[in-house]
Amino acid sequence: MQPSIRAYRPADLDAVYDICVRTADAGGDARGQYSSDTLMGDIFAAPYVTLEPEHAHLLDDGTGNAVGYVLGTADTARFAQRYRDEWLPATAGRYPRPAEPPVTREDSMLWLHEHPERMLVPELADYPAHLHIDLLPEWQGSGWGRGLISAFLAGLRAAGVPRVHLGMAVTNVSARAFYDRLGFTEIPVPGATAVTYLGRGTAE
């Protein structure tokens, strides 16, 4: 079987967690950096495939194993509310309460987890959808990322969504070049120093 892009299936959940943590350090491996290797997935991957699986697309290596994904939401405001109402209760008790204000890197990540309203950035209001895309390193640079984005955009168009945004670590230079090639442009957000926001229309 050849590698292919396909829809997410519930049996892929463990692979989604694995891909997320292995690409969570500005594109590098974040395993061992937090108290649990599931933390990154619980913030940046699992809530999407759980709450909005229709917008999750996977790169299958040809044997049924997921080696990359694009996932996200068609409606950031609605997703943030569902994260609070449904995902936070589903993950209650998995992690300690973070220090207020955050002290460690883990505190900062747990703060993101506990404050889904952080997704509601006024400057991004005209870009209602958002996405996350991650591929294991050996699958990068071969056109699969472009294919995943195309699949995600097609789903947004079918849902009548005109524009999409994403946030990326300022330090992830290779990712920025990838998004530039796909027509994403920077959206100025005052005060956003560690994250760059990019957006584009959903039309091909």
Protein backbone atom coordinates (compact mmCIF):
# COMPACT_ATOMS: atom_id res chain seq x y z
CA MET A 1 0.00 0.00 0.00
CA GLN A 2 1.13 3.53 -0.78
CA PRO A 3 1.07 6.38 1.75
CA SER A 4 -2.13 8.39 1.56
CA ILE A 5 -4.13 11.12 3.25
CA ARG A 6 -7.29 9.88 4.88
CA ALA A 7 -9.88 10.82 7.46
CA TYR A 8 -9.18 10.44 11.16
CA ARG A 9 -10.44 7.29 12.90
CA PRO A 10 -10.81 6.82 16.68
CA ALA A 11 -8.19 4.06 16.54
CA ASP A 12 -5.65 6.74 15.52
CA LEU A 13 -5.82 8.57 18.85
CA ASP A 14 -2.63 7.12 20.37
CA ALA A 15 -0.71 7.90 17.17
CA VAL A 16 -2.02 11.48 17.24
CA TYR A 17 -0.71 11.89 20.79
CA ASP A 18 2.67 10.45 19.73
CA ILE A 19 3.01 12.69 16.67
CA CYS A 20 2.07 15.73 18.73
CA VAL A 21 4.69 15.28 21.47
CA ARG A 22 7.39 14.29 18.96
CA THR A 23 6.94 17.60 17.11
CA ALA A 24 5.97 19.89 20.01
CA ASP A 25 9.33 21.52 20.70
CA ALA A 26 9.23 24.08 17.85
CA GLY A 27 9.05 21.13 15.48
CA GLY A 28 11.40 18.96 17.55
CA ASP A 29 10.86 16.14 20.04
CA ALA A 30 9.34 17.22 23.37
CA ARG A 31 9.25 13.77 24.98
CA GLY A 32 10.47 13.92 28.57
CA GLN A 33 10.15 17.68 28.85
CA TYR A 34 6.95 17.62 30.90
CA SER A 35 5.55 15.48 33.70
CA SER A 36 3.55 13.50 31.14
CA ASP A 37 4.13 12.99 27.44
CA THR A 38 0.38 13.29 26.94
CA LEU A 39 0.27 16.95 27.98
CA MET A 40 1.00 18.40 24.53
CA GLY A 41 -1.59 16.14 22.94
CA ASP A 42 -4.20 17.04 25.52
CA ILE A 43 -3.82 20.71 24.60
CA PHE A 44 -3.01 20.80 20.89
CA ALA A 45 -4.35 17.59 19.32
CA ALA A 46 -6.76 15.33 21.20
CA PRO A 47 -9.46 17.97 21.83
CA TYR A 48 -9.71 18.58 18.09
CA VAL A 49 -10.05 14.95 17.02
CA THR A 50 -12.48 14.39 19.90
CA LEU A 51 -14.70 17.44 19.46
CA GLU A 52 -14.39 18.06 15.71
CA PRO A 53 -13.14 14.86 14.04
CA GLU A 54 -14.70 15.82 10.71
CA HIS A 55 -11.88 18.35 10.25
CA ALA A 56 -9.05 15.93 11.10
CA HIS A 57 -7.01 14.42 8.26
CA LEU A 58 -4.11 12.01 8.68
CA LEU A 59 -1.13 10.95 6.64
CA ASP A 60 -1.16 7.14 6.60
CA ASP A 61 2.20 5.45 5.93
CA GLY A 62 0.46 2.78 3.85
CA THR A 63 0.18 0.23 6.66
CA GLY A 64 -2.58 1.94 8.63
CA ASN A 65 -0.22 3.93 10.86
CA ALA A 66 -0.61 7.71 11.15
CA VAL A 67 2.64 9.63 10.66
CA GLY A 68 1.24 13.14 10.34
CA TYR A 69 -1.96 15.10 10.69
CA VAL A 70 -3.79 18.33 10.16
CA LEU A 71 -6.60 19.10 12.55
CA GLY A 72 -8.49 22.10 13.76
CA THR A 73 -11.86 23.76 13.97
CA ALA A 74 -14.18 25.57 11.60
CA ASP A 75 -15.30 27.96 14.37
CA THR A 76 -12.72 29.01 16.96
CA ALA A 77 -15.21 30.72 19.27
CA ARG A 78 -17.48 27.67 19.37
CA PHE A 79 -14.50 25.36 19.84
CA ALA A 80 -13.15 27.38 22.77
CA GLN A 81 -16.52 27.12 24.49
CA ARG A 82 -16.72 23.37 23.89
CA TYR A 83 -13.14 23.00 25.18
CA ARG A 84 -14.24 24.59 28.45
CA ASP A 85 -17.57 22.78 28.68
CA GLU A 86 -16.50 19.34 27.46
CA TRP A 87 -12.73 18.88 27.22
CA LEU A 88 -11.71 20.35 30.57
CA PRO A 89 -14.11 18.04 32.47
CA ALA A 90 -12.90 15.08 30.38
CA THR A 91 -9.27 15.74 31.40
CA ALA A 92 -9.92 16.82 35.00
CA GLY A 93 -7.40 15.40 37.47
CA ARG A 94 -4.75 14.48 34.93
CA TYR A 95 -2.41 17.31 35.84
CA PRO A 96 -1.59 19.44 38.89
CA ARG A 97 -2.84 22.97 39.17
CA PRO A 98 -0.33 25.40 37.61
CA ALA A 99 1.25 28.18 39.60
CA GLU A 100 -0.43 31.56 39.18
CA PRO A 101 1.31 33.29 37.50
CA PRO A 102 3.10 30.42 35.71
CA VAL A 103 6.66 29.71 36.83
CA THR A 104 7.77 26.66 34.83
CA ARG A 105 7.24 25.68 31.20
CA GLU A 106 4.71 23.13 32.40
CA ASP A 107 2.83 25.81 34.33
CA SER A 108 2.64 27.85 31.14
CA MET A 109 1.26 24.92 29.16
CA LEU A 110 -1.28 24.07 31.86
CA TRP A 111 -2.36 27.70 31.88
CA LEU A 112 -3.09 27.39 28.14
CA HIS A 113 -5.07 24.23 28.86
CA GLU A 114 -7.16 25.85 31.57
CA HIS A 115 -7.83 29.07 29.63
CA PRO A 116 -9.31 28.13 26.25
CA GLU A 117 -10.55 31.71 25.88
CA ARG A 118 -6.94 32.52 24.95
CA MET A 119 -7.91 31.36 21.46
CA LEU A 120 -10.23 34.34 21.06
CA VAL A 121 -7.86 36.98 19.71
CA PRO A 122 -9.71 40.05 18.39
CA GLU A 123 -7.31 40.53 15.48
CA LEU A 124 -8.16 37.02 14.25
CA ALA A 125 -11.94 37.48 14.21
CA ASP A 126 -12.04 37.60 10.40
CA TYR A 127 -10.28 34.20 10.31
CA PRO A 128 -12.79 32.04 12.20
CA ALA A 129 -11.17 28.65 11.61
CA HIS A 130 -7.77 27.57 12.89
CA LEU A 131 -5.52 24.56 12.39
CA HIS A 132 -2.56 22.59 13.68
CA ILE A 133 -0.39 20.51 11.36
CA ASP A 134 2.42 18.14 12.37
CA LEU A 135 4.37 15.49 10.49
CA LEU A 136 7.08 13.21 11.82
CA PRO A 137 10.47 14.44 10.55
CA GLU A 138 11.05 11.63 8.06
CA TRP A 139 7.77 12.52 6.33
CA GLN A 140 8.48 16.22 5.96
CA GLY A 141 9.63 17.88 2.74
CA SER A 142 7.91 15.47 0.35
CA GLY A 143 4.69 17.35 -0.37
CA TRP A 144 2.56 15.63 2.25
CA GLY A 145 2.18 18.78 4.31
CA ARG A 146 0.77 20.61 1.31
CA GLY A 147 -1.62 17.73 0.72
CA LEU A 148 -2.84 17.80 4.30
CA ILE A 149 -3.46 21.54 4.16
CA SER A 150 -5.37 21.11 0.88
CA ALA A 151 -7.60 18.48 2.50
CA PHE A 152 -8.27 20.72 5.48
CA LEU A 153 -9.07 23.74 3.31
CA ALA A 154 -11.47 21.66 1.22
CA GLY A 155 -13.34 20.69 4.38
CA LEU A 156 -13.58 24.32 5.44
CA ARG A 157 -14.87 25.37 2.02
CA ALA A 158 -17.53 22.67 2.20
CA ALA A 159 -18.56 24.05 5.59
CA GLY A 160 -18.77 27.60 4.19
CA VAL A 161 -15.80 28.94 6.14
CA PRO A 162 -14.00 31.77 4.28
CA ARG A 163 -10.67 32.10 6.13
CA VAL A 164 -8.38 30.22 8.51
CA HIS A 165 -5.53 31.15 10.85
CA LEU A 166 -2.77 29.41 12.78
CA GLY A 167 -0.27 30.30 15.45
CA MET A 168 3.33 29.15 15.28
CA ALA A 169 6.40 29.53 17.45
CA VAL A 170 8.53 32.44 16.27
CA THR A 171 11.57 30.16 16.51
CA ASN A 172 10.20 27.60 14.03
CA VAL A 173 11.83 29.10 10.94
CA SER A 174 11.32 26.09 8.68
CA ALA A 175 7.58 26.04 9.42
CA ARG A 176 7.30 29.71 8.52
CA ALA A 177 8.86 29.06 5.12
CA PHE A 178 6.39 26.21 4.56
CA TYR A 179 3.38 28.41 5.37
CA ASP A 180 4.70 31.24 3.21
CA ARG A 181 4.82 28.86 0.24
CA LEU A 182 1.19 27.92 0.87
CA GLY A 183 -0.03 31.50 0.75
CA PHE A 184 -0.32 32.26 4.45
CA THR A 185 0.50 35.84 5.42
CA GLU A 186 1.23 37.35 8.81
CA ILE A 187 -1.60 38.84 10.86
CA PRO A 188 -0.27 41.54 13.22
CA VAL A 189 -1.28 40.87 16.82
CA PRO A 190 0.09 43.45 19.29
CA GLY A 191 1.79 41.85 22.27
CA ALA A 192 2.28 38.44 20.64
CA THR A 193 6.04 38.02 21.03
CA ALA A 194 6.57 34.25 21.15
CA VAL A 195 3.86 33.37 18.61
CA THR A 196 3.43 34.48 15.01
CA TYR A 197 -0.11 34.40 13.63
CA LEU A 198 -0.68 33.64 9.98
CA GLY A 199 -3.86 33.47 7.90
CA ARG A 200 -5.23 32.88 4.43
CA GLY A 201 -8.50 32.36 2.59
CA THR A 202 -9.83 28.85 2.13
CA ALA A 203 -10.12 29.14 -1.67
CA GLU A 204 -7.53 27.14 -3.61
